PDB file of N, CA and C in Angstrom:
ATOM      1  N   MET A   1     172.920 110.239 121.283  1.00  0.00           N
ATOM      2  CA  MET A   1     173.046 110.407 119.925  1.00  0.00           C
ATOM      3  C   MET A   1     172.716 111.997 119.630  1.00  0.00           C
ATOM      4  N   ASP A   2     173.563 112.397 118.530  1.00  0.00           N
ATOM      5  CA  ASP A   2     173.602 113.878 118.240  1.00  0.00           C
ATOM      6  C   ASP A   2     172.519 114.158 117.179  1.00  0.00           C
ATOM      7  N   ARG A   3     172.413 115.386 116.945  1.00  0.00           N
ATOM      8  CA  ARG A   3     171.159 115.630 115.745  1.00  0.00           C
ATOM      9  C   ARG A   3     171.628 115.167 114.520  1.00  0.00           C
ATOM     10  N   HIS A   4     172.833 114.923 114.054  1.00  0.00           N
ATOM     11  CA  HIS A   4     173.068 114.258 112.852  1.00  0.00           C
ATOM     12  C   HIS A   4     172.811 112.806 112.757  1.00  0.00           C
ATOM     13  N   GLU A   5     173.027 112.197 113.927  1.00  0.00           N
ATOM     14  CA  GLU A   5     172.716 110.707 113.929  1.00  0.00           C
ATOM     15  C   GLU A   5     171.310 110.578 113.994  1.00  0.00           C
ATOM     16  N   LYS A   6     170.510 111.458 114.546  1.00  0.00           N
ATOM     17  CA  LYS A   6     169.078 111.439 114.442  1.00  0.00           C
ATOM     18  C   LYS A   6     168.358 111.812 113.163  1.00  0.00           C
ATOM     19  N   GLY A   7     169.168 112.408 112.420  1.00  0.00           N
ATOM     20  CA  GLY A   7     168.715 112.885 110.974  1.00  0.00           C
ATOM     21  C   GLY A   7     168.087 114.156 111.051  1.00  0.00           C
ATOM     22  N   LEU A   8     168.133 115.101 112.067  1.00  0.00           N
ATOM     23  CA  LEU A   8     167.720 116.269 112.261  1.00  0.00           C
ATOM     24  C   LEU A   8     168.404 117.228 111.515  1.00  0.00           C
ATOM     25  N   GLU A   9     169.813 117.212 111.620  1.00  0.00           N
ATOM     26  CA  GLU A   9     170.664 118.219 110.960  1.00  0.00           C
ATOM     27  C   GLU A   9     171.724 117.413 110.363  1.00  0.00           C
ATOM     28  N   ARG A  10     171.867 117.443 109.184  1.00  0.00           N
ATOM     29  CA  ARG A  10     173.028 116.642 108.262  1.00  0.00           C
ATOM     30  C   ARG A  10     174.242 117.733 108.285  1.00  0.00           C
ATOM     31  N   VAL A  11     175.369 117.135 108.808  1.00  0.00           N
ATOM     32  CA  VAL A  11     176.727 117.762 108.912  1.00  0.00           C
ATOM     33  C   VAL A  11     177.447 117.335 107.662  1.00  0.00           C
ATOM     34  N   PRO A  12     177.772 118.374 106.799  1.00  0.00           N
ATOM     35  CA  PRO A  12     178.468 118.186 105.553  1.00  0.00           C
ATOM     36  C   PRO A  12     179.839 117.710 105.927  1.00  0.00           C
ATOM     37  N   GLY A  13     180.387 116.838 105.018  1.00  0.00           N
ATOM     38  CA  GLY A  13     181.710 116.083 105.369  1.00  0.00           C
ATOM     39  C   GLY A  13     181.782 114.938 106.365  1.00  0.00           C
ATOM     40  N   ARG A  14     180.650 114.710 107.120  1.00  0.00           N
ATOM     41  CA  ARG A  14     180.692 113.669 108.066  1.00  0.00           C
ATOM     42  C   ARG A  14     180.300 112.347 107.250  1.00  0.00           C
ATOM     43  N   PRO A  15     181.337 111.308 107.579  1.00  0.00           N
ATOM     44  CA  PRO A  15     181.401 110.023 106.603  1.00  0.00           C
ATOM     45  C   PRO A  15     180.102 109.128 107.027  1.00  0.00           C
ATOM     46  N   ASP A  16     179.615 109.176 108.359  1.00  0.00           N
ATOM     47  CA  ASP A  16     178.552 108.250 108.668  1.00  0.00           C
ATOM     48  C   ASP A  16     177.090 108.850 108.352  1.00  0.00           C
ATOM     49  N   LEU A  17     176.325 107.948 107.974  1.00  0.00           N
ATOM     50  CA  LEU A  17     174.971 108.228 107.550  1.00  0.00           C
ATOM     51  C   LEU A  17     174.053 108.420 108.859  1.00  0.00           C
ATOM     52  N   PRO A  18     173.004 109.308 108.635  1.00  0.00           N
ATOM     53  CA  PRO A  18     171.967 109.351 109.678  1.00  0.00           C
ATOM     54  C   PRO A  18     171.229 108.214 109.660  1.00  0.00           C
ATOM     55  N   LEU A  19     170.813 107.766 111.010  1.00  0.00           N
ATOM     56  CA  LEU A  19     170.077 106.596 111.102  1.00  0.00           C
ATOM     57  C   LEU A  19     168.947 106.580 110.204  1.00  0.00           C
ATOM     58  N   PRO A  20     167.903 107.574 109.995  1.00  0.00           N
ATOM     59  CA  PRO A  20     166.743 107.404 109.171  1.00  0.00           C
ATOM     60  C   PRO A  20     167.128 107.307 107.733  1.00  0.00           C
ATOM     61  N   GLU A  21     168.268 107.634 107.290  1.00  0.00           N
ATOM     62  CA  GLU A  21     168.838 107.505 105.732  1.00  0.00           C
ATOM     63  C   GLU A  21     169.302 106.071 105.611  1.00  0.00           C
ATOM     64  N   TRP A  22     169.726 105.303 106.654  1.00  0.00           N
ATOM     65  CA  TRP A  22     170.097 104.024 106.539  1.00  0.00           C
ATOM     66  C   TRP A  22     169.326 103.092 105.936  1.00  0.00           C
ATOM     67  N   GLN A  23     169.483 102.282 104.817  1.00  0.00           N
ATOM     68  CA  GLN A  23     168.576 101.340 104.275  1.00  0.00           C
ATOM     69  C   GLN A  23     168.727  99.888 104.868  1.00  0.00           C
ATOM     70  N   GLY A  24     169.552  99.676 106.018  1.00  0.00           N
ATOM     71  CA  GLY A  24     169.665  98.502 106.536  1.00  0.00           C
ATOM     72  C   GLY A  24     170.839  97.434 105.866  1.00  0.00           C
ATOM     73  N   GLY A  25     171.623  98.012 104.942  1.00  0.00           N
ATOM     74  CA  GLY A  25     172.607  97.165 104.267  1.00  0.00           C
ATOM     75  C   GLY A  25     174.017  97.652 104.815  1.00  0.00           C
ATOM     76  N   TYR A  26     174.971  96.800 104.264  1.00  0.00           N
ATOM     77  CA  TYR A  26     176.303  97.262 104.502  1.00  0.00           C
ATOM     78  C   TYR A  26     177.064  97.300 103.062  1.00  0.00           C
ATOM     79  N   GLY A  27     177.470  98.544 102.902  1.00  0.00           N
ATOM     80  CA  GLY A  27     178.001  98.735 101.457  1.00  0.00           C
ATOM     81  C   GLY A  27     179.413  98.445 101.579  1.00  0.00           C
ATOM     82  N   GLY A  28     180.093  98.030 102.374  1.00  0.00           N
ATOM     83  CA  GLY A  28     181.494  97.623 102.131  1.00  0.00           C
ATOM     84  C   GLY A  28     182.456  98.718 103.037  1.00  0.00           C
ATOM     85  N   ASP A  29     181.958  99.724 103.398  1.00  0.00           N
ATOM     86  CA  ASP A  29     182.864 100.843 104.232  1.00  0.00           C
ATOM     87  C   ASP A  29     182.006 101.060 105.429  1.00  0.00           C
ATOM     88  N   THR A  30     182.927 100.699 106.610  1.00  0.00           N
ATOM     89  CA  THR A  30     182.071 100.790 107.965  1.00  0.00           C
ATOM     90  C   THR A  30     182.054 101.962 108.393  1.00  0.00           C
ATOM     91  N   GLN A  31     182.865 102.973 107.902  1.00  0.00           N
ATOM     92  CA  GLN A  31     182.585 104.454 108.019  1.00  0.00           C
ATOM     93  C   GLN A  31     181.306 105.029 107.558  1.00  0.00           C
ATOM     94  N   ARG A  32     180.644 104.479 106.677  1.00  0.00           N
ATOM     95  CA  ARG A  32     179.477 105.013 106.117  1.00  0.00           C
ATOM     96  C   ARG A  32     178.312 104.469 106.822  1.00  0.00           C
ATOM     97  N   LEU A  33     178.482 103.404 107.795  1.00  0.00           N
ATOM     98  CA  LEU A  33     177.338 103.096 108.624  1.00  0.00           C
ATOM     99  C   LEU A  33     177.072 103.998 109.716  1.00  0.00           C
ATOM    100  N   PRO A  34     175.701 104.007 110.282  1.00  0.00           N
ATOM    101  CA  PRO A  34     175.470 104.975 111.359  1.00  0.00           C
ATOM    102  C   PRO A  34     176.222 104.618 112.538  1.00  0.00           C
ATOM    103  N   LYS A  35     176.561 105.661 113.351  1.00  0.00           N
ATOM    104  CA  LYS A  35     177.555 105.346 114.493  1.00  0.00           C
ATOM    105  C   LYS A  35     176.859 104.317 115.559  1.00  0.00           C
ATOM    106  N   VAL A  36     175.454 104.329 115.622  1.00  0.00           N
ATOM    107  CA  VAL A  36     174.752 103.279 116.381  1.00  0.00           C
ATOM    108  C   VAL A  36     175.107 101.937 116.043  1.00  0.00           C
ATOM    109  N   VAL A  37     175.125 101.664 114.664  1.00  0.00           N
ATOM    110  CA  VAL A  37     175.488 100.368 114.050  1.00  0.00           C
ATOM    111  C   VAL A  37     176.852  99.939 114.380  1.00  0.00           C
ATOM    112  N   GLN A  38     177.973 101.095 114.090  1.00  0.00           N
ATOM    113  CA  GLN A  38     179.265 100.895 114.432  1.00  0.00           C
ATOM    114  C   GLN A  38     179.636 100.531 115.829  1.00  0.00           C
ATOM    115  N   LYS A  39     178.859 101.102 116.602  1.00  0.00           N
ATOM    116  CA  LYS A  39     178.987 100.688 118.215  1.00  0.00           C
ATOM    117  C   LYS A  39     178.692  99.256 118.236  1.00  0.00           C
ATOM    118  N   LEU A  40     177.452  99.010 117.764  1.00  0.00           N
ATOM    119  CA  LEU A  40     177.013  97.646 117.929  1.00  0.00           C
ATOM    120  C   LEU A  40     178.066  96.531 117.423  1.00  0.00           C
ATOM    121  N   MET A  41     178.533  97.087 116.125  1.00  0.00           N
ATOM    122  CA  MET A  41     179.573  96.159 115.423  1.00  0.00           C
ATOM    123  C   MET A  41     180.872  95.679 116.425  1.00  0.00           C
ATOM    124  N   HIS A  42     181.159  96.893 117.236  1.00  0.00           N
ATOM    125  CA  HIS A  42     182.416  96.813 117.926  1.00  0.00           C
ATOM    126  C   HIS A  42     181.993  96.301 119.459  1.00  0.00           C
ATOM    127  N   GLY A  43     180.763  95.882 119.588  1.00  0.00           N
ATOM    128  CA  GLY A  43     180.622  95.302 120.931  1.00  0.00           C
ATOM    129  C   GLY A  43     180.540  96.243 122.020  1.00  0.00           C
ATOM    130  N   ARG A  44     180.117  97.449 121.718  1.00  0.00           N
ATOM    131  CA  ARG A  44     180.200  98.519 122.910  1.00  0.00           C
ATOM    132  C   ARG A  44     178.513  98.446 123.339  1.00  0.00           C
ATOM    133  N   ILE A  45     178.382  99.126 124.559  1.00  0.00           N
ATOM    134  CA  ILE A  45     177.037  98.994 125.095  1.00  0.00           C
ATOM    135  C   ILE A  45     176.167 100.242 124.486  1.00  0.00           C
ATOM    136  N   LEU A  46     175.228 100.104 124.065  1.00  0.00           N
ATOM    137  CA  LEU A  46     174.308 101.194 123.404  1.00  0.00           C
ATOM    138  C   LEU A  46     173.447 101.720 124.731  1.00  0.00           C
ATOM    139  N   THR A  47     173.072 102.999 124.739  1.00  0.00           N
ATOM    140  CA  THR A  47     172.336 103.768 125.435  1.00  0.00           C
ATOM    141  C   THR A  47     170.852 103.188 125.246  1.00  0.00           C
ATOM    142  N   ALA A  48     170.087 103.570 126.206  1.00  0.00           N
ATOM    143  CA  ALA A  48     168.621 103.006 125.984  1.00  0.00           C
ATOM    144  C   ALA A  48     167.839 103.915 124.788  1.00  0.00           C
ATOM    145  N   GLU A  49     168.462 105.182 124.400  1.00  0.00           N
ATOM    146  CA  GLU A  49     168.002 105.826 123.347  1.00  0.00           C
ATOM    147  C   GLU A  49     168.421 105.452 122.127  1.00  0.00           C
ATOM    148  N   GLU A  50     169.736 104.912 122.046  1.00  0.00           N
ATOM    149  CA  GLU A  50     170.305 104.292 120.843  1.00  0.00           C
ATOM    150  C   GLU A  50     169.516 103.003 120.566  1.00  0.00           C
ATOM    151  N   LYS A  51     169.340 102.121 121.452  1.00  0.00           N
ATOM    152  CA  LYS A  51     168.721 100.893 121.354  1.00  0.00           C
ATOM    153  C   LYS A  51     167.231 101.287 120.667  1.00  0.00           C
ATOM    154  N   ALA A  52     166.404 102.189 121.313  1.00  0.00           N
ATOM    155  CA  ALA A  52     165.246 102.459 120.824  1.00  0.00           C
ATOM    156  C   ALA A  52     165.159 102.990 119.367  1.00  0.00           C
ATOM    157  N   GLU A  53     166.159 103.863 119.221  1.00  0.00           N
ATOM    158  CA  GLU A  53     166.270 104.415 117.793  1.00  0.00           C
ATOM    159  C   GLU A  53     166.572 103.415 116.827  1.00  0.00           C
ATOM    160  N   LEU A  54     167.337 102.628 117.037  1.00  0.00           N
ATOM    161  CA  LEU A  54     167.899 101.382 116.251  1.00  0.00           C
ATOM    162  C   LEU A  54     166.741 100.389 115.944  1.00  0.00           C
ATOM    163  N   LEU A  55     166.075 100.021 117.186  1.00  0.00           N
ATOM    164  CA  LEU A  55     164.870  99.167 116.963  1.00  0.00           C
ATOM    165  C   LEU A  55     163.695  99.685 116.074  1.00  0.00           C
ATOM    166  N   TRP A  56     163.579 101.064 116.287  1.00  0.00           N
ATOM    167  CA  TRP A  56     162.446 101.704 115.650  1.00  0.00           C
ATOM    168  C   TRP A  56     162.914 101.678 114.099  1.00  0.00           C
ATOM    169  N   ARG A  57     164.044 101.894 113.750  1.00  0.00           N
ATOM    170  CA  ARG A  57     164.548 101.931 112.228  1.00  0.00           C
ATOM    171  C   ARG A  57     164.501 100.454 111.686  1.00  0.00           C
ATOM    172  N   LEU A  58     164.851  99.481 112.374  1.00  0.00           N
ATOM    173  CA  LEU A  58     164.728  98.168 112.041  1.00  0.00           C
ATOM    174  C   LEU A  58     163.263  97.757 111.724  1.00  0.00           C
ATOM    175  N   PHE A  59     162.377  98.160 112.716  1.00  0.00           N
ATOM    176  CA  PHE A  59     161.118  97.952 112.595  1.00  0.00           C
ATOM    177  C   PHE A  59     160.551  98.704 111.187  1.00  0.00           C
ATOM    178  N   GLU A  60     160.925  99.959 110.944  1.00  0.00           N
ATOM    179  CA  GLU A  60     160.400 100.675 109.708  1.00  0.00           C
ATOM    180  C   GLU A  60     160.915  99.946 108.350  1.00  0.00           C
ATOM    181  N   LEU A  61     162.197  99.405 108.566  1.00  0.00           N
ATOM    182  CA  LEU A  61     162.791  98.646 107.337  1.00  0.00           C
ATOM    183  C   LEU A  61     161.852  97.385 107.101  1.00  0.00           C
ATOM    184  N   ASP A  62     161.616  96.722 108.310  1.00  0.00           N
ATOM    185  CA  ASP A  62     160.849  95.482 107.977  1.00  0.00           C
ATOM    186  C   ASP A  62     159.380  95.632 107.620  1.00  0.00           C
ATOM    187  N   GLN A  63     158.832  96.746 108.144  1.00  0.00           N
ATOM    188  CA  GLN A  63     157.416  97.191 107.498  1.00  0.00           C
ATOM    189  C   GLN A  63     157.467  97.331 105.957  1.00  0.00           C
ATOM    190  N   ARG A  64     158.491  98.165 105.676  1.00  0.00           N
ATOM    191  CA  ARG A  64     158.617  98.520 104.248  1.00  0.00           C
ATOM    192  C   ARG A  64     158.840  97.275 103.380  1.00  0.00           C
ATOM    193  N   GLU A  65     159.666  96.389 103.945  1.00  0.00           N
ATOM    194  CA  GLU A  65     159.667  94.992 103.264  1.00  0.00           C
ATOM    195  C   GLU A  65     158.456  94.251 103.094  1.00  0.00           C
ATOM    196  N   LYS A  66     157.621  94.293 104.179  1.00  0.00           N
ATOM    197  CA  LYS A  66     156.371  93.507 104.021  1.00  0.00           C
ATOM    198  C   LYS A  66     155.373  94.129 103.322  1.00  0.00           C
ATOM    199  N   SER A  67     155.268  95.456 103.237  1.00  0.00           N
ATOM    200  CA  SER A  67     154.386  96.075 102.256  1.00  0.00           C
ATOM    201  C   SER A  67     154.826  95.961 100.960  1.00  0.00           C
ATOM    202  N   ARG A  68     156.099  95.878 100.620  1.00  0.00           N
ATOM    203  CA  ARG A  68     156.629  95.715  99.222  1.00  0.00           C
ATOM    204  C   ARG A  68     156.212  94.461  98.681  1.00  0.00           C
ATOM    205  N   ARG A  69     156.512  93.378  99.698  1.00  0.00           N
ATOM    206  CA  ARG A  69     156.158  91.947  99.404  1.00  0.00           C
ATOM    207  C   ARG A  69     154.494  91.785  99.102  1.00  0.00           C
ATOM    208  N   ALA A  70     153.733  92.280  99.867  1.00  0.00           N
ATOM    209  CA  ALA A  70     152.303  92.235  99.757  1.00  0.00           C
ATOM    210  C   ALA A  70     151.882  92.942  98.420  1.00  0.00           C
ATOM    211  N   ARG A  71     152.530  94.139  98.028  1.00  0.00           N
ATOM    212  CA  ARG A  71     152.212  94.832  96.868  1.00  0.00           C
ATOM    213  C   ARG A  71     152.506  93.944  95.500  1.00  0.00           C
ATOM    214  N   SER A  72     153.760  93.308  95.803  1.00  0.00           N
ATOM    215  CA  SER A  72     154.188  92.443  94.705  1.00  0.00           C
ATOM    216  C   SER A  72     153.282  91.393  94.517  1.00  0.00           C
ATOM    217  N   GLN A  73     152.823  90.704  95.522  1.00  0.00           N
ATOM    218  CA  GLN A  73     151.847  89.617  95.535  1.00  0.00           C
ATOM    219  C   GLN A  73     150.505  89.983  94.763  1.00  0.00           C
ATOM    220  N   ARG A  74     150.085  91.232  95.289  1.00  0.00           N
ATOM    221  CA  ARG A  74     148.955  91.534  94.575  1.00  0.00           C
ATOM    222  C   ARG A  74     148.934  91.790  92.929  1.00  0.00           C
ATOM    223  N   ILE A  75     150.101  92.277  92.888  1.00  0.00           N
ATOM    224  CA  ILE A  75     150.390  92.370  91.315  1.00  0.00           C
ATOM    225  C   ILE A  75     150.430  91.270  90.729  1.00  0.00           C
ATOM    226  N   LEU A  76     151.110  90.192  91.218  1.00  0.00           N
ATOM    227  CA  LEU A  76     151.242  89.016  90.547  1.00  0.00           C
ATOM    228  C   LEU A  76     149.894  88.290  90.450  1.00  0.00           C
ATOM    229  N   VAL A  77     148.998  88.382  91.440  1.00  0.00           N
ATOM    230  CA  VAL A  77     147.768  87.782  91.360  1.00  0.00           C
ATOM    231  C   VAL A  77     146.892  88.336  90.252  1.00  0.00           C
ATOM    232  N   ALA A  78     146.850  89.715  90.091  1.00  0.00           N
ATOM    233  CA  ALA A  78     146.279  90.474  89.105  1.00  0.00           C
ATOM    234  C   ALA A  78     146.590  90.195  87.726  1.00  0.00           C
ATOM    235  N   VAL A  79     148.108  90.082  87.524  1.00  0.00           N
ATOM    236  CA  VAL A  79     148.456  89.582  86.155  1.00  0.00           C
ATOM    237  C   VAL A  79     148.072  88.392  86.007  1.00  0.00           C
ATOM    238  N   THR A  80     147.980  87.432  86.659  1.00  0.00           N
ATOM    239  CA  THR A  80     147.681  85.979  86.524  1.00  0.00           C
ATOM    240  C   THR A  80     146.241  85.863  86.254  1.00  0.00           C
ATOM    241  N   LEU A  81     145.455  86.675  86.948  1.00  0.00           N
ATOM    242  CA  LEU A  81     143.983  86.734  86.676  1.00  0.00           C
ATOM    243  C   LEU A  81     143.652  87.296  85.345  1.00  0.00           C
ATOM    244  N   LEU A  82     144.436  88.357  85.006  1.00  0.00           N
ATOM    245  CA  LEU A  82     144.211  88.815  83.549  1.00  0.00           C
ATOM    246  C   LEU A  82     144.679  87.863  82.368  1.00  0.00           C
ATOM    247  N   ALA A  83     145.697  87.100  82.695  1.00  0.00           N
ATOM    248  CA  ALA A  83     146.216  86.278  81.738  1.00  0.00           C
ATOM    249  C   ALA A  83     145.038  85.155  81.604  1.00  0.00           C
ATOM    250  N   ALA A  84     144.699  84.637  82.899  1.00  0.00           N
ATOM    251  CA  ALA A  84     143.805  83.556  82.489  1.00  0.00           C
ATOM    252  C   ALA A  84     142.241  84.099  81.888  1.00  0.00           C
ATOM    253  N   GLY A  85     141.895  85.291  82.124  1.00  0.00           N
ATOM    254  CA  GLY A  85     140.839  85.736  81.418  1.00  0.00           C
ATOM    255  C   GLY A  85     141.110  85.862  79.945  1.00  0.00           C
ATOM    256  N   ALA A  86     142.268  86.406  79.554  1.00  0.00           N
ATOM    257  CA  ALA A  86     142.687  86.637  78.137  1.00  0.00           C
ATOM    258  C   ALA A  86     142.658  85.177  77.521  1.00  0.00           C
ATOM    259  N   TRP A  87     143.198  84.229  78.244  1.00  0.00           N
ATOM    260  CA  TRP A  87     143.249  82.930  77.525  1.00  0.00           C
ATOM    261  C   TRP A  87     141.873  82.390  77.344  1.00  0.00           C
ATOM    262  N   VAL A  88     141.084  82.586  78.345  1.00  0.00           N
ATOM    263  CA  VAL A  88     139.403  81.976  78.115  1.00  0.00           C
ATOM    264  C   VAL A  88     138.844  82.920  76.899  1.00  0.00           C
ATOM    265  N   ALA A  89     139.026  84.149  76.969  1.00  0.00           N
ATOM    266  CA  ALA A  89     138.486  85.071  75.871  1.00  0.00           C
ATOM    267  C   ALA A  89     139.022  84.666  74.391  1.00  0.00           C
ATOM    268  N   ILE A  90     140.391  84.451  74.262  1.00  0.00           N
ATOM    269  CA  ILE A  90     140.857  83.917  73.129  1.00  0.00           C
ATOM    270  C   ILE A  90     140.550  82.672  72.656  1.00  0.00           C
ATOM    271  N   TYR A  91     140.835  81.518  73.397  1.00  0.00           N
ATOM    272  CA  TYR A  91     140.831  80.307  72.940  1.00  0.00           C
ATOM    273  C   TYR A  91     139.408  79.563  73.379  1.00  0.00           C
ATOM    274  N   GLN A  92     138.705  80.046  74.148  1.00  0.00           N
ATOM    275  CA  GLN A  92     137.343  79.336  74.665  1.00  0.00           C
ATOM    276  C   GLN A  92     136.157  80.434  74.364  1.00  0.00           C
ATOM    277  N   TRP A  93     136.381  81.071  73.532  1.00  0.00           N
ATOM    278  CA  TRP A  93     135.278  82.039  73.233  1.00  0.00           C
ATOM    279  C   TRP A  93     133.952  81.414  72.834  1.00  0.00           C
ATOM    280  N   ARG A  94     134.037  80.415  72.113  1.00  0.00           N
ATOM    281  CA  ARG A  94     132.830  79.709  71.760  1.00  0.00           C
ATOM    282  C   ARG A  94     131.947  79.102  72.951  1.00  0.00           C
ATOM    283  N   TRP A  95     132.892  78.349  73.945  1.00  0.00           N
ATOM    284  CA  TRP A  95     132.174  77.864  74.942  1.00  0.00           C
ATOM    285  C   TRP A  95     131.771  79.000  75.914  1.00  0.00           C
ATOM    286  N   VAL A  96     132.238  80.187  76.016  1.00  0.00           N
ATOM    287  CA  VAL A  96     131.735  81.279  76.846  1.00  0.00           C
ATOM    288  C   VAL A  96     130.558  81.682  76.141  1.00  0.00           C
ATOM    289  N   ALA A  97     130.484  82.076  74.830  1.00  0.00           N
ATOM    290  CA  ALA A  97     129.459  82.498  74.107  1.00  0.00           C
ATOM    291  C   ALA A  97     128.189  81.546  74.283  1.00  0.00           C
ATOM    292  N   ASP A  98     128.331  80.258  74.199  1.00  0.00           N
ATOM    293  CA  ASP A  98     127.229  79.411  74.346  1.00  0.00           C
ATOM    294  C   ASP A  98     126.650  79.295  75.702  1.00  0.00           C
ATOM    295  N   HIS A  99     127.465  79.431  76.718  1.00  0.00           N
ATOM    296  CA  HIS A  99     126.918  79.606  78.101  1.00  0.00           C
ATOM    297  C   HIS A  99     126.451  80.683  78.437  1.00  0.00           C
ATOM    298  N   VAL A 100     126.737  81.738  77.954  1.00  0.00           N
ATOM    299  CA  VAL A 100     126.091  83.113  78.148  1.00  0.00           C
ATOM    300  C   VAL A 100     124.883  83.152  77.434  1.00  0.00           C
ATOM    301  N   MET A 101     124.702  82.835  76.303  1.00  0.00           N
ATOM    302  CA  MET A 101     123.432  82.768  75.419  1.00  0.00           C
ATOM    303  C   MET A 101     122.350  81.774  76.395  1.00  0.00           C
ATOM    304  N   ALA A 102     122.828  80.670  76.737  1.00  0.00           N
ATOM    305  CA  ALA A 102     121.987  79.690  77.496  1.00  0.00           C
ATOM    306  C   ALA A 102     121.615  80.230  78.603  1.00  0.00           C
ATOM    307  N   TRP A 103     122.358  81.106  79.271  1.00  0.00           N
ATOM    308  CA  TRP A 103     121.972  81.933  80.702  1.00  0.00           C
ATOM    309  C   TRP A 103     120.960  83.141  80.306  1.00  0.00           C
ATOM    310  N   LEU A 104     121.108  83.799  79.042  1.00  0.00           N
ATOM    311  CA  LEU A 104     120.222  84.713  78.785  1.00  0.00           C
ATOM    312  C   LEU A 104     118.969  84.378  78.149  1.00  0.00           C
ATOM    313  N   SER A 105     118.846  83.315  77.388  1.00  0.00           N
ATOM    314  CA  SER A 105     117.508  82.880  76.819  1.00  0.00           C
ATOM    315  C   SER A 105     116.642  82.240  77.691  1.00  0.00           C
ATOM    316  N   PRO A 106     115.576  82.436  77.514  1.00  0.00           N
ATOM    317  CA  PRO A 106     114.383  81.969  78.569  1.00  0.00           C
ATOM    318  C   PRO A 106     114.516  80.264  78.285  1.00  0.00           C
ATOM    319  N   PRO A 107     113.952  79.674  79.498  1.00  0.00           N
ATOM    320  CA  PRO A 107     114.070  78.201  79.306  1.00  0.00           C
ATOM    321  C   PRO A 107     112.961  77.809  78.257  1.00  0.00           C
ATOM    322  N   ALA A 108     113.247  76.659  77.716  1.00  0.00           N
ATOM    323  CA  ALA A 108     112.199  76.173  76.765  1.00  0.00           C
ATOM    324  C   ALA A 108     110.890  75.721  77.496  1.00  0.00           C
ATOM    325  N   ALA A 109     109.801  75.687  77.070  1.00  0.00           N
ATOM    326  CA  ALA A 109     108.597  75.339  77.704  1.00  0.00           C
ATOM    327  C   ALA A 109     108.563  73.817  77.617  1.00  0.00           C
ATOM    328  N   PRO A 110     108.036  73.209  78.684  1.00  0.00           N
ATOM    329  CA  PRO A 110     108.019  71.645  78.595  1.00  0.00           C
ATOM    330  C   PRO A 110     106.946  71.201  77.613  1.00  0.00           C
ATOM    331  N   PRO A 111     107.185  70.141  77.038  1.00  0.00           N
ATOM    332  CA  PRO A 111     106.141  69.557  76.056  1.00  0.00           C
ATOM    333  C   PRO A 111     104.669  69.274  76.854  1.00  0.00           C
ATOM    334  N   ALA A 112     103.784  69.454  76.254  1.00  0.00           N
ATOM    335  CA  ALA A 112     102.317  69.263  76.844  1.00  0.00           C
ATOM    336  C   ALA A 112     101.926  67.806  76.583  1.00  0.00           C
TER     337      ALA A 112
END
């Protein structure tokens, strides 16, 4: 792999993307794919360095997707909890007020 393919030096006018800039998709133009992916598509044997770089890039893309999914789930849970809290505050305020006041007021003395 040369310096362009590794993403160290970008060569202007070269149609293929450096591997670190590749987002894992196919945009319809095989010339835009990184050289490592083009070699893999044509069934040519990859060197150990090319395999390692490609596996590392795929690992990075996988980790990015997992973190994006986890962030989306956290946001969804937060919005759901806020919506449930808003519903309780708007439509069940009397029940909430009764229970809060019962919790705050001292217990009644038993009859003697």
